[in-house]
Amino acid sequence: MHISLFDYSLPKELIAKYPSQKRDESRMLVYYKNQDKIIHSYFKNIIDFLEGDELIVANNVKVIPARVFAKKETGGKVEILLIRKLNDNLWEAFVKASKKPKINDKLIISNNIFCEIVEDLNGKYAVKFTENFQIEKFGKMPLPPYIKRESENIDFARYQTVFADEKFKGAIAAPTAGLHFTNEIIKKLKNKGVEICYVTLYVSYATFHPVRVENILEHKMHYEDYEISEKSAELINHAKHIGKKILAVGTTVVRTLEDNYLKFNKITSGKYFTNLFIYPSFKFNVIDKLLTNFHLPKSTLLMLVSAFAGRENILKCYNEAIKKKYRFFSYGDCMLII
């Protein structure tokens, strides 16, 4: 399956650099799979497109300010993207500098706060910080590179869902489909009879790792950790048993639920990891509906939504969104597939 099948042309001005003024004022393209029908609306109207007895499953992970700026002892600027905590002061990270970093390089963050490169991990590094390093104080929100601006104060709130849970802190990218929700929308959904539960996938490099092979079947996904509570597992299994439709909020939820089902033939609580790669021909066992943002060309996320709704259908929806000047990617508008 050639990667060119998942390519499309996007005008640069449609890449959202900032979030919408209000979360729920994002535009929403609604695609009815069985009718091959498109409706243009706004996320604040999502309740009008639901039957009222769905189970919504969202990712309650919390994004950490994972981008840290430092200097070499020689004065050169360094950018560190923390990927995964290995132990108290040791992180797996990408390190971007004018020259390839070396083992024992000391990177100065502030006065007596620094880190040291202790191991080369094939393109990534193990980086050890001083005990007085506080990520909340020195880190910036890890906006995707295509946004092409430094993170600002607004991003600490808006590059985070309203249901992000402090207990599940550790993502280095936001589960962006969830960014459109407000507490008011959640209340309205519950009042209509829609149930909501949460799973946690710690969004990491695997989610945005580019596909660098022509045949997508040769692409290897990196692993990401996830966890499912007993309550959520019970709700999801019960919904499937009684025929209630399950709406996944974002591709991270899709991968969590479908991976877990493939492992156990039902949704099972606990802590696991996944490198599941979903592309056309994949058989979905759990989700029935999907809320998702518009994804990058040739990305694994575009391949996932193509598997769910059909590649040609998705590209048709994307072309329609481009014509209507929707805003794309992390801070952009959304698409409801039902």
C-alpha atoms as a PDB file:
ATOM      1  CA  MET A   1       0.000   0.000   0.000  1.00  0.00           C
ATOM      2  CA  HIS A   2       1.839   3.087  -1.255  1.00  0.00           C
ATOM      3  CA  ILE A   3       2.126   6.134   0.972  1.00  0.00           C
ATOM      4  CA  SER A   4       1.041   8.411  -1.895  1.00  0.00           C
ATOM      5  CA  LEU A   5      -2.494   7.057  -1.420  1.00  0.00           C
ATOM      6  CA  PHE A   6      -2.672   9.105   1.789  1.00  0.00           C
ATOM      7  CA  ASP A   7      -1.349  12.372   0.430  1.00  0.00           C
ATOM      8  CA  TYR A   8      -3.258  15.591  -0.163  1.00  0.00           C
ATOM      9  CA  SER A   9      -2.380  19.229  -0.785  1.00  0.00           C
ATOM     10  CA  LEU A  10      -3.091  21.711   2.008  1.00  0.00           C
ATOM     11  CA  PRO A  11      -2.666  25.506   1.732  1.00  0.00           C
ATOM     12  CA  LYS A  12      -0.342  26.634   4.524  1.00  0.00           C
ATOM     13  CA  GLU A  13      -2.771  29.320   5.661  1.00  0.00           C
ATOM     14  CA  LEU A  14      -5.216  26.603   6.765  1.00  0.00           C
ATOM     15  CA  ILE A  15      -2.814  25.263   9.422  1.00  0.00           C
ATOM     16  CA  ALA A  16      -4.181  26.582  12.720  1.00  0.00           C
ATOM     17  CA  LYS A  17      -1.506  28.441  14.685  1.00  0.00           C
ATOM     18  CA  TYR A  18      -3.805  29.355  17.567  1.00  0.00           C
ATOM     19  CA  PRO A  19      -6.908  27.745  19.059  1.00  0.00           C
ATOM     20  CA  SER A  20     -10.378  29.103  18.308  1.00  0.00           C
ATOM     21  CA  GLN A  21     -11.509  31.906  20.590  1.00  0.00           C
ATOM     22  CA  LYS A  22     -13.733  29.463  22.477  1.00  0.00           C
ATOM     23  CA  ARG A  23     -13.194  25.706  22.590  1.00  0.00           C
ATOM     24  CA  ASP A  24     -16.638  24.705  21.372  1.00  0.00           C
ATOM     25  CA  GLU A  25     -16.746  27.263  18.533  1.00  0.00           C
ATOM     26  CA  SER A  26     -14.534  25.113  16.337  1.00  0.00           C
ATOM     27  CA  ARG A  27     -16.175  24.128  13.075  1.00  0.00           C
ATOM     28  CA  MET A  28     -17.227  20.506  12.688  1.00  0.00           C
ATOM     29  CA  LEU A  29     -17.614  18.541   9.473  1.00  0.00           C
ATOM     30  CA  VAL A  30     -20.119  15.731  10.048  1.00  0.00           C
ATOM     31  CA  TYR A  31     -19.755  12.715   7.782  1.00  0.00           C
ATOM     32  CA  TYR A  32     -22.462  10.051   7.644  1.00  0.00           C
ATOM     33  CA  LYS A  33     -20.646   6.924   6.496  1.00  0.00           C
ATOM     34  CA  ASN A  34     -23.635   4.867   5.400  1.00  0.00           C
ATOM     35  CA  GLN A  35     -25.257   7.729   3.496  1.00  0.00           C
ATOM     36  CA  ASP A  36     -22.004   9.204   2.165  1.00  0.00           C
ATOM     37  CA  LYS A  37     -23.312  12.578   3.299  1.00  0.00           C
ATOM     38  CA  ILE A  38     -21.496  15.685   4.572  1.00  0.00           C
ATOM     39  CA  ILE A  39     -22.964  18.369   6.823  1.00  0.00           C
ATOM     40  CA  HIS A  40     -21.121  21.497   7.967  1.00  0.00           C
ATOM     41  CA  SER A  41     -21.706  22.598  11.553  1.00  0.00           C
ATOM     42  CA  TYR A  42     -19.925  23.641  14.769  1.00  0.00           C
ATOM     43  CA  PHE A  43     -18.741  21.514  17.660  1.00  0.00           C
ATOM     44  CA  LYS A  44     -21.127  23.275  20.043  1.00  0.00           C
ATOM     45  CA  ASN A  45     -23.927  21.548  18.086  1.00  0.00           C
ATOM     46  CA  ILE A  46     -22.527  18.025  18.518  1.00  0.00           C
ATOM     47  CA  ILE A  47     -25.474  17.042  20.672  1.00  0.00           C
ATOM     48  CA  ASP A  48     -27.773  17.510  17.638  1.00  0.00           C
ATOM     49  CA  PHE A  49     -25.937  14.746  15.773  1.00  0.00           C
ATOM     50  CA  LEU A  50     -26.060  12.134  18.533  1.00  0.00           C
ATOM     51  CA  GLU A  51     -28.898   9.747  19.304  1.00  0.00           C
ATOM     52  CA  GLY A  52     -28.616  10.413  23.030  1.00  0.00           C
ATOM     53  CA  ASP A  53     -27.717   6.931  24.225  1.00  0.00           C
ATOM     54  CA  GLU A  54     -24.075   6.790  23.119  1.00  0.00           C
ATOM     55  CA  LEU A  55     -21.112   6.074  25.326  1.00  0.00           C
ATOM     56  CA  ILE A  56     -18.392   8.652  24.696  1.00  0.00           C
ATOM     57  CA  VAL A  57     -14.858   7.525  25.524  1.00  0.00           C
ATOM     58  CA  ALA A  58     -12.201  10.257  25.850  1.00  0.00           C
ATOM     59  CA  ASN A  59      -8.516  10.358  26.758  1.00  0.00           C
ATOM     60  CA  ASN A  60      -7.965  12.094  30.108  1.00  0.00           C
ATOM     61  CA  VAL A  61      -4.165  12.213  29.874  1.00  0.00           C
ATOM     62  CA  LYS A  62      -2.463  15.445  30.932  1.00  0.00           C
ATOM     63  CA  VAL A  63       0.166  17.067  28.722  1.00  0.00           C
ATOM     64  CA  ILE A  64       3.414  18.015  30.440  1.00  0.00           C
ATOM     65  CA  PRO A  65       5.455  21.081  29.438  1.00  0.00           C
ATOM     66  CA  ALA A  66       7.963  18.773  27.773  1.00  0.00           C
ATOM     67  CA  ARG A  67       9.980  21.277  25.719  1.00  0.00           C
ATOM     68  CA  VAL A  68      13.017  22.577  27.621  1.00  0.00           C
ATOM     69  CA  PHE A  69      15.525  25.135  26.355  1.00  0.00           C
ATOM     70  CA  ALA A  70      19.139  25.036  27.464  1.00  0.00           C
ATOM     71  CA  LYS A  71      22.655  26.105  26.471  1.00  0.00           C
ATOM     72  CA  LYS A  72      25.858  24.191  26.020  1.00  0.00           C
ATOM     73  CA  GLU A  73      28.794  25.236  28.157  1.00  0.00           C
ATOM     74  CA  THR A  74      30.185  26.787  24.973  1.00  0.00           C
ATOM     75  CA  GLY A  75      27.040  28.909  24.667  1.00  0.00           C
ATOM     76  CA  GLY A  76      25.273  27.052  21.840  1.00  0.00           C
ATOM     77  CA  LYS A  77      21.499  26.829  22.067  1.00  0.00           C
ATOM     78  CA  VAL A  78      19.885  23.457  22.691  1.00  0.00           C
ATOM     79  CA  GLU A  79      16.262  22.339  22.580  1.00  0.00           C
ATOM     80  CA  ILE A  80      15.251  19.249  24.575  1.00  0.00           C
ATOM     81  CA  LEU A  81      11.977  17.420  24.004  1.00  0.00           C
ATOM     82  CA  LEU A  82      11.286  15.078  26.897  1.00  0.00           C
ATOM     83  CA  ILE A  83       9.646  11.873  25.702  1.00  0.00           C
ATOM     84  CA  ARG A  84       9.458   9.518  28.634  1.00  0.00           C
ATOM     85  CA  LYS A  85      10.528   9.522  32.262  1.00  0.00           C
ATOM     86  CA  LEU A  86      12.921   6.645  32.947  1.00  0.00           C
ATOM     87  CA  ASN A  87      13.294   7.324  36.676  1.00  0.00           C
ATOM     88  CA  ASP A  88      13.205  10.299  39.046  1.00  0.00           C
ATOM     89  CA  ASN A  89      15.759  12.492  37.260  1.00  0.00           C
ATOM     90  CA  LEU A  90      16.405  10.539  34.082  1.00  0.00           C
ATOM     91  CA  TRP A  91      14.433  11.150  30.872  1.00  0.00           C
ATOM     92  CA  GLU A  92      14.444   9.776  27.357  1.00  0.00           C
ATOM     93  CA  ALA A  93      14.573  12.823  25.089  1.00  0.00           C
ATOM     94  CA  PHE A  94      15.241  14.288  21.679  1.00  0.00           C
ATOM     95  CA  VAL A  95      18.061  16.828  21.786  1.00  0.00           C
ATOM     96  CA  LYS A  96      18.248  19.402  19.008  1.00  0.00           C
ATOM     97  CA  ALA A  97      21.495  21.369  18.680  1.00  0.00           C
ATOM     98  CA  SER A  98      23.725  22.815  15.948  1.00  0.00           C
ATOM     99  CA  LYS A  99      26.107  19.883  16.425  1.00  0.00           C
ATOM    100  CA  LYS A 100      25.291  16.294  17.350  1.00  0.00           C
ATOM    101  CA  PRO A 101      25.272  15.976  21.150  1.00  0.00           C
ATOM    102  CA  LYS A 102      27.871  13.779  22.840  1.00  0.00           C
ATOM    103  CA  ILE A 103      27.868  11.659  25.960  1.00  0.00           C
ATOM    104  CA  ASN A 104      28.730  13.747  29.062  1.00  0.00           C
ATOM    105  CA  ASP A 105      27.679  17.013  27.388  1.00  0.00           C
ATOM    106  CA  LYS A 106      26.441  19.380  30.088  1.00  0.00           C
ATOM    107  CA  LEU A 107      23.379  21.430  29.142  1.00  0.00           C
ATOM    108  CA  ILE A 108      22.692  24.471  31.307  1.00  0.00           C
ATOM    109  CA  ILE A 109      19.067  25.381  31.910  1.00  0.00           C
ATOM    110  CA  SER A 110      19.433  28.079  34.567  1.00  0.00           C
ATOM    111  CA  ASN A 111      22.161  29.081  37.044  1.00  0.00           C
ATOM    112  CA  ASN A 112      22.654  25.886  39.100  1.00  0.00           C
ATOM    113  CA  ILE A 113      20.152  23.802  37.110  1.00  0.00           C
ATOM    114  CA  PHE A 114      21.463  21.642  34.309  1.00  0.00           C
ATOM    115  CA  CYS A 115      21.293  18.215  32.738  1.00  0.00           C
ATOM    116  CA  GLU A 116      23.820  15.805  31.302  1.00  0.00           C
ATOM    117  CA  ILE A 117      23.616  13.452  28.344  1.00  0.00           C
ATOM    118  CA  VAL A 118      24.392  10.007  29.714  1.00  0.00           C
ATOM    119  CA  GLU A 119      23.498   7.645  26.853  1.00  0.00           C
ATOM    120  CA  ASP A 120      22.892   7.675  23.107  1.00  0.00           C
ATOM    121  CA  LEU A 121      19.627   5.849  22.321  1.00  0.00           C
ATOM    122  CA  ASN A 122      19.819   5.728  18.516  1.00  0.00           C
ATOM    123  CA  GLY A 123      18.645   9.223  17.683  1.00  0.00           C
ATOM    124  CA  LYS A 124      17.298   9.875  21.155  1.00  0.00           C
ATOM    125  CA  TYR A 125      19.210  10.336  24.389  1.00  0.00           C
ATOM    126  CA  ALA A 126      19.043   9.504  28.070  1.00  0.00           C
ATOM    127  CA  VAL A 127      19.294  12.868  29.817  1.00  0.00           C
ATOM    128  CA  LYS A 128      19.886  13.206  33.581  1.00  0.00           C
ATOM    129  CA  PHE A 129      18.702  16.365  35.332  1.00  0.00           C
ATOM    130  CA  THR A 130      19.797  17.885  38.611  1.00  0.00           C
ATOM    131  CA  GLU A 131      17.433  17.178  41.498  1.00  0.00           C
ATOM    132  CA  ASN A 132      16.269  20.816  41.619  1.00  0.00           C
ATOM    133  CA  PHE A 133      14.933  20.701  38.039  1.00  0.00           C
ATOM    134  CA  GLN A 134      11.165  21.333  37.937  1.00  0.00           C
ATOM    135  CA  ILE A 135       9.495  20.628  34.619  1.00  0.00           C
ATOM    136  CA  GLU A 136       6.500  22.826  35.473  1.00  0.00           C
ATOM    137  CA  LYS A 137       8.818  25.799  36.021  1.00  0.00           C
ATOM    138  CA  PHE A 138      11.271  25.411  33.150  1.00  0.00           C
ATOM    139  CA  GLY A 139       9.297  23.485  30.529  1.00  0.00           C
ATOM    140  CA  LYS A 140       7.217  24.912  27.697  1.00  0.00           C
ATOM    141  CA  MET A 141       4.162  23.261  26.167  1.00  0.00           C
ATOM    142  CA  PRO A 142       5.293  20.962  23.337  1.00  0.00           C
ATOM    143  CA  LEU A 143       3.451  22.506  20.404  1.00  0.00           C
ATOM    144  CA  PRO A 144       3.877  20.577  17.154  1.00  0.00           C
ATOM    145  CA  PRO A 145       6.564  21.991  14.832  1.00  0.00           C
ATOM    146  CA  TYR A 146       4.086  22.874  12.053  1.00  0.00           C
ATOM    147  CA  ILE A 147       2.541  25.545  14.281  1.00  0.00           C
ATOM    148  CA  LYS A 148       5.792  27.482  13.761  1.00  0.00           C
ATOM    149  CA  ARG A 149       5.703  29.654  16.877  1.00  0.00           C
ATOM    150  CA  GLU A 150       6.972  29.467  20.422  1.00  0.00           C
ATOM    151  CA  SER A 151       4.491  28.353  23.056  1.00  0.00           C
ATOM    152  CA  GLU A 152       2.738  31.143  24.937  1.00  0.00           C
ATOM    153  CA  ASN A 153       0.774  31.419  28.165  1.00  0.00           C
ATOM    154  CA  ILE A 154      -2.469  30.620  26.321  1.00  0.00           C
ATOM    155  CA  ASP A 155      -1.105  27.187  25.454  1.00  0.00           C
ATOM    156  CA  PHE A 156      -0.839  26.062  29.085  1.00  0.00           C
ATOM    157  CA  ALA A 157      -4.645  26.105  29.186  1.00  0.00           C
ATOM    158  CA  ARG A 158      -5.698  25.484  25.604  1.00  0.00           C
ATOM    159  CA  TYR A 159      -3.252  22.704  24.677  1.00  0.00           C
ATOM    160  CA  GLN A 160      -4.904  20.706  27.443  1.00  0.00           C
ATOM    161  CA  THR A 161      -8.393  19.180  27.594  1.00  0.00           C
ATOM    162  CA  VAL A 162     -10.823  20.302  30.285  1.00  0.00           C
ATOM    163  CA  PHE A 163     -10.908  16.700  31.528  1.00  0.00           C
ATOM    164  CA  ALA A 164      -7.108  16.251  31.711  1.00  0.00           C
ATOM    165  CA  ASP A 165      -6.433  14.503  35.011  1.00  0.00           C
ATOM    166  CA  GLU A 166      -3.416  15.371  37.158  1.00  0.00           C
ATOM    167  CA  LYS A 167      -3.180  11.677  38.122  1.00  0.00           C
ATOM    168  CA  PHE A 168      -2.437  10.845  34.483  1.00  0.00           C
ATOM    169  CA  LYS A 169       0.262  13.385  33.759  1.00  0.00           C
ATOM    170  CA  GLY A 170       2.827  12.460  31.138  1.00  0.00           C
ATOM    171  CA  ALA A 171       1.737  13.073  27.521  1.00  0.00           C
ATOM    172  CA  ILE A 172       4.038  15.040  25.222  1.00  0.00           C
ATOM    173  CA  ALA A 173       1.229  15.906  22.816  1.00  0.00           C
ATOM    174  CA  ALA A 174      -2.426  16.658  23.400  1.00  0.00           C
ATOM    175  CA  PRO A 175      -5.225  14.258  22.444  1.00  0.00           C
ATOM    176  CA  THR A 176      -6.466  17.055  20.202  1.00  0.00           C
ATOM    177  CA  ALA A 177     -10.000  15.850  19.451  1.00  0.00           C
ATOM    178  CA  GLY A 178     -10.742  16.415  23.126  1.00  0.00           C
ATOM    179  CA  LEU A 179      -9.699  20.072  23.011  1.00  0.00           C
ATOM    180  CA  HIS A 180     -13.132  21.122  21.706  1.00  0.00           C
ATOM    181  CA  PHE A 181     -15.035  19.988  24.803  1.00  0.00           C
ATOM    182  CA  THR A 182     -16.148  22.400  27.518  1.00  0.00           C
ATOM    183  CA  ASN A 183     -17.618  21.528  30.903  1.00  0.00           C
ATOM    184  CA  GLU A 184     -20.905  23.004  29.693  1.00  0.00           C
ATOM    185  CA  ILE A 185     -20.983  20.731  26.620  1.00  0.00           C
ATOM    186  CA  ILE A 186     -20.220  17.698  28.814  1.00  0.00           C
ATOM    187  CA  LYS A 187     -23.091  18.647  31.117  1.00  0.00           C
ATOM    188  CA  LYS A 188     -25.497  18.998  28.170  1.00  0.00           C
ATOM    189  CA  LEU A 189     -24.449  15.619  26.779  1.00  0.00           C
ATOM    190  CA  LYS A 190     -25.032  13.921  30.122  1.00  0.00           C
ATOM    191  CA  ASN A 191     -28.414  15.628  30.475  1.00  0.00           C
ATOM    192  CA  LYS A 192     -29.411  14.176  27.098  1.00  0.00           C
ATOM    193  CA  GLY A 193     -28.508  10.685  28.310  1.00  0.00           C
ATOM    194  CA  VAL A 194     -25.050  10.331  26.794  1.00  0.00           C
ATOM    195  CA  GLU A 195     -22.592   8.552  29.083  1.00  0.00           C
ATOM    196  CA  ILE A 196     -18.937   9.606  29.231  1.00  0.00           C
ATOM    197  CA  CYS A 197     -15.969   7.628  30.491  1.00  0.00           C
ATOM    198  CA  TYR A 198     -12.215   7.957  30.188  1.00  0.00           C
ATOM    199  CA  VAL A 199      -9.168   5.939  29.286  1.00  0.00           C
ATOM    200  CA  THR A 200      -5.568   7.122  29.363  1.00  0.00           C
ATOM    201  CA  LEU A 201      -3.048   6.831  26.568  1.00  0.00           C
ATOM    202  CA  TYR A 202       0.212   8.642  27.233  1.00  0.00           C
ATOM    203  CA  VAL A 203       0.618  10.336  23.869  1.00  0.00           C
ATOM    204  CA  SER A 204       4.253  10.071  22.851  1.00  0.00           C
ATOM    205  CA  TYR A 205       6.487   9.844  19.813  1.00  0.00           C
ATOM    206  CA  ALA A 206       4.526   6.960  18.269  1.00  0.00           C
ATOM    207  CA  THR A 207       1.501   9.143  17.584  1.00  0.00           C
ATOM    208  CA  PHE A 208       3.330  11.701  15.459  1.00  0.00           C
ATOM    209  CA  HIS A 209       6.317   9.657  14.198  1.00  0.00           C
ATOM    210  CA  PRO A 210       6.400  10.240  10.417  1.00  0.00           C
ATOM    211  CA  VAL A 211       6.061   7.387   7.958  1.00  0.00           C
ATOM    212  CA  ARG A 212       9.356   7.262   6.064  1.00  0.00           C
ATOM    213  CA  VAL A 213       8.760   4.195   3.887  1.00  0.00           C
ATOM    214  CA  GLU A 214       6.968   4.050   0.534  1.00  0.00           C
ATOM    215  CA  ASN A 215       5.086   0.878   1.430  1.00  0.00           C
ATOM    216  CA  ILE A 216       3.183   1.734   4.608  1.00  0.00           C
ATOM    217  CA  LEU A 217       3.096  -1.938   5.601  1.00  0.00           C
ATOM    218  CA  GLU A 218       6.808  -1.614   6.390  1.00  0.00           C
ATOM    219  CA  HIS A 219       6.218   1.195   8.908  1.00  0.00           C
ATOM    220  CA  LYS A 220       6.955   0.271  12.520  1.00  0.00           C
ATOM    221  CA  MET A 221       4.953   2.003  15.239  1.00  0.00           C
ATOM    222  CA  HIS A 222       6.685   2.933  18.480  1.00  0.00           C
ATOM    223  CA  TYR A 223       5.165   1.811  21.773  1.00  0.00           C
ATOM    224  CA  GLU A 224       2.913   3.953  23.942  1.00  0.00           C
ATOM    225  CA  ASP A 225       1.611   3.184  27.429  1.00  0.00           C
ATOM    226  CA  TYR A 226      -2.076   3.211  28.270  1.00  0.00           C
ATOM    227  CA  GLU A 227      -4.345   2.303  31.142  1.00  0.00           C
ATOM    228  CA  ILE A 228      -8.022   1.534  31.557  1.00  0.00           C
ATOM    229  CA  SER A 229      -9.896   1.702  34.853  1.00  0.00           C
ATOM    230  CA  GLU A 230     -12.257  -1.033  36.042  1.00  0.00           C
ATOM    231  CA  LYS A 231     -15.180   1.390  35.831  1.00  0.00           C
ATOM    232  CA  SER A 232     -14.440   2.340  32.215  1.00  0.00           C
ATOM    233  CA  ALA A 233     -13.883  -1.283  31.183  1.00  0.00           C
ATOM    234  CA  GLU A 234     -17.242  -2.213  32.733  1.00  0.00           C
ATOM    235  CA  LEU A 235     -19.076   0.646  31.003  1.00  0.00           C
ATOM    236  CA  ILE A 236     -17.560  -0.119  27.587  1.00  0.00           C
ATOM    237  CA  ASN A 237     -18.208  -3.869  27.811  1.00  0.00           C
ATOM    238  CA  HIS A 238     -21.789  -3.247  28.939  1.00  0.00           C
ATOM    239  CA  ALA A 239     -22.344  -0.795  26.072  1.00  0.00           C
ATOM    240  CA  LYS A 240     -21.147  -3.382  23.556  1.00  0.00           C
ATOM    241  CA  HIS A 241     -23.321  -6.042  25.161  1.00  0.00           C
ATOM    242  CA  ILE A 242     -26.538  -4.027  24.894  1.00  0.00           C
ATOM    243  CA  GLY A 243     -25.745  -2.544  21.481  1.00  0.00           C
ATOM    244  CA  LYS A 244     -25.081   1.001  22.639  1.00  0.00           C
ATOM    245  CA  LYS A 245     -22.930   2.970  20.175  1.00  0.00           C
ATOM    246  CA  ILE A 246     -19.422   3.896  21.317  1.00  0.00           C
ATOM    247  CA  LEU A 247     -18.023   7.246  20.189  1.00  0.00           C
ATOM    248  CA  ALA A 248     -14.249   7.540  20.470  1.00  0.00           C
ATOM    249  CA  VAL A 249     -12.853  11.011  21.044  1.00  0.00           C
ATOM    250  CA  GLY A 250      -9.706  10.919  18.967  1.00  0.00           C
ATOM    251  CA  THR A 251      -7.320   8.413  17.461  1.00  0.00           C
ATOM    252  CA  THR A 252      -5.585   7.747  20.794  1.00  0.00           C
ATOM    253  CA  VAL A 253      -8.825   6.353  22.198  1.00  0.00           C
ATOM    254  CA  VAL A 254      -9.322   4.245  19.069  1.00  0.00           C
ATOM    255  CA  ARG A 255      -5.868   2.688  19.423  1.00  0.00           C
ATOM    256  CA  THR A 256      -6.349   2.094  23.153  1.00  0.00           C
ATOM    257  CA  LEU A 257      -9.686   0.330  22.815  1.00  0.00           C
ATOM    258  CA  GLU A 258      -8.942  -1.645  19.670  1.00  0.00           C
ATOM    259  CA  ASP A 259      -5.557  -2.793  20.993  1.00  0.00           C
ATOM    260  CA  ASN A 260      -7.067  -3.872  24.292  1.00  0.00           C
ATOM    261  CA  TYR A 261      -9.845  -5.813  22.563  1.00  0.00           C
ATOM    262  CA  LEU A 262      -7.352  -7.598  20.325  1.00  0.00           C
ATOM    263  CA  LYS A 263      -5.378  -8.633  23.397  1.00  0.00           C
ATOM    264  CA  PHE A 264      -8.305  -9.945  25.470  1.00  0.00           C
ATOM    265  CA  ASN A 265     -11.364 -10.219  23.208  1.00  0.00           C
ATOM    266  CA  LYS A 266     -13.059  -7.696  25.507  1.00  0.00           C
ATOM    267  CA  ILE A 267     -12.077  -4.484  27.281  1.00  0.00           C
ATOM    268  CA  THR A 268      -9.925  -5.357  30.282  1.00  0.00           C
ATOM    269  CA  SER A 269      -8.768  -2.925  32.961  1.00  0.00           C
ATOM    270  CA  GLY A 270      -5.093  -2.495  33.765  1.00  0.00           C
ATOM    271  CA  LYS A 271      -1.875  -0.940  32.448  1.00  0.00           C
ATOM    272  CA  TYR A 272      -0.615  -1.984  29.035  1.00  0.00           C
ATOM    273  CA  PHE A 273       1.312  -0.720  26.018  1.00  0.00           C
ATOM    274  CA  THR A 274       0.535  -0.691  22.328  1.00  0.00           C
ATOM    275  CA  ASN A 275       2.271  -0.342  18.989  1.00  0.00           C
ATOM    276  CA  LEU A 276      -0.924  -1.031  17.055  1.00  0.00           C
ATOM    277  CA  PHE A 277      -0.853   0.409  13.536  1.00  0.00           C
ATOM    278  CA  ILE A 278      -4.341   0.866  12.099  1.00  0.00           C
ATOM    279  CA  TYR A 279      -4.644   1.282   8.337  1.00  0.00           C
ATOM    280  CA  PRO A 280      -7.245   0.320   5.698  1.00  0.00           C
ATOM    281  CA  SER A 281      -8.403  -3.305   5.938  1.00  0.00           C
ATOM    282  CA  PHE A 282      -8.341  -3.147   9.759  1.00  0.00           C
ATOM    283  CA  LYS A 283     -11.465  -4.630  11.366  1.00  0.00           C
ATOM    284  CA  PHE A 284     -12.827  -2.451  14.161  1.00  0.00           C
ATOM    285  CA  ASN A 285     -14.220  -4.352  17.122  1.00  0.00           C
ATOM    286  CA  VAL A 286     -15.115  -1.604  19.602  1.00  0.00           C
ATOM    287  CA  ILE A 287     -15.800   1.849  18.214  1.00  0.00           C
ATOM    288  CA  ASP A 288     -18.856   2.861  16.181  1.00  0.00           C
ATOM    289  CA  LYS A 289     -18.393   6.626  15.838  1.00  0.00           C
ATOM    290  CA  LEU A 290     -15.360   8.890  15.839  1.00  0.00           C
ATOM    291  CA  LEU A 291     -14.645  12.517  16.641  1.00  0.00           C
ATOM    292  CA  THR A 292     -11.267  13.529  15.267  1.00  0.00           C
ATOM    293  CA  ASN A 293      -9.299  16.512  14.010  1.00  0.00           C
ATOM    294  CA  PHE A 294      -7.934  16.865  10.478  1.00  0.00           C
ATOM    295  CA  HIS A 295      -4.592  15.091  10.210  1.00  0.00           C
ATOM    296  CA  LEU A 296      -1.323  15.587   8.367  1.00  0.00           C
ATOM    297  CA  PRO A 297      -0.831  14.121   4.886  1.00  0.00           C
ATOM    298  CA  LYS A 298       0.862  10.690   4.858  1.00  0.00           C
ATOM    299  CA  SER A 299       0.443  10.332   8.641  1.00  0.00           C
ATOM    300  CA  THR A 300      -0.539   7.188  10.555  1.00  0.00           C
ATOM    301  CA  LEU A 301      -3.492   9.165  11.950  1.00  0.00           C
ATOM    302  CA  LEU A 302      -4.839   9.833   8.462  1.00  0.00           C
ATOM    303  CA  MET A 303      -4.408   6.123   7.745  1.00  0.00           C
ATOM    304  CA  LEU A 304      -6.406   5.269  10.875  1.00  0.00           C
ATOM    305  CA  VAL A 305      -9.378   7.472   9.971  1.00  0.00           C
ATOM    306  CA  SER A 306      -9.171   6.131   6.399  1.00  0.00           C
ATOM    307  CA  ALA A 307      -9.480   2.625   7.820  1.00  0.00           C
ATOM    308  CA  PHE A 308     -12.585   3.697   9.741  1.00  0.00           C
ATOM    309  CA  ALA A 309     -14.447   5.598   7.022  1.00  0.00           C
ATOM    310  CA  GLY A 310     -12.749   4.610   3.770  1.00  0.00           C
ATOM    311  CA  ARG A 311      -9.719   6.277   2.215  1.00  0.00           C
ATOM    312  CA  GLU A 312     -11.558   7.850  -0.720  1.00  0.00           C
ATOM    313  CA  ASN A 313     -14.351   9.072   1.566  1.00  0.00           C
ATOM    314  CA  ILE A 314     -11.886  10.707   3.947  1.00  0.00           C
ATOM    315  CA  LEU A 315      -9.961  12.420   1.152  1.00  0.00           C
ATOM    316  CA  LYS A 316     -13.258  13.673  -0.257  1.00  0.00           C
ATOM    317  CA  CYS A 317     -14.163  15.100   3.168  1.00  0.00           C
ATOM    318  CA  TYR A 318     -10.723  16.697   3.458  1.00  0.00           C
ATOM    319  CA  ASN A 319     -11.057  18.310   0.025  1.00  0.00           C
ATOM    320  CA  GLU A 320     -14.461  19.642   1.038  1.00  0.00           C
ATOM    321  CA  ALA A 321     -12.989  21.004   4.283  1.00  0.00           C
ATOM    322  CA  ILE A 322     -10.213  22.718   2.325  1.00  0.00           C
ATOM    323  CA  LYS A 323     -12.754  24.313  -0.023  1.00  0.00           C
ATOM    324  CA  LYS A 324     -14.712  25.573   2.991  1.00  0.00           C
ATOM    325  CA  LYS A 325     -11.468  26.822   4.595  1.00  0.00           C
ATOM    326  CA  TYR A 326     -11.596  24.692   7.730  1.00  0.00           C
ATOM    327  CA  ARG A 327      -8.618  25.019  10.070  1.00  0.00           C
ATOM    328  CA  PHE A 328      -6.357  21.959  10.150  1.00  0.00           C
ATOM    329  CA  PHE A 329      -4.284  19.935  12.633  1.00  0.00           C
ATOM    330  CA  SER A 330      -3.880  20.214  16.423  1.00  0.00           C
ATOM    331  CA  TYR A 331      -5.514  23.583  17.039  1.00  0.00           C
ATOM    332  CA  GLY A 332      -7.859  23.221  14.088  1.00  0.00           C
ATOM    333  CA  ASP A 333     -11.446  22.208  13.508  1.00  0.00           C
ATOM    334  CA  CYS A 334     -12.882  18.726  13.863  1.00  0.00           C
ATOM    335  CA  MET A 335     -14.728  15.988  12.041  1.00  0.00           C
ATOM    336  CA  LEU A 336     -17.486  13.756  13.400  1.00  0.00           C
ATOM    337  CA  ILE A 337     -17.795  10.422  11.600  1.00  0.00           C
ATOM    338  CA  ILE A 338     -21.060   8.616  12.312  1.00  0.00           C
END
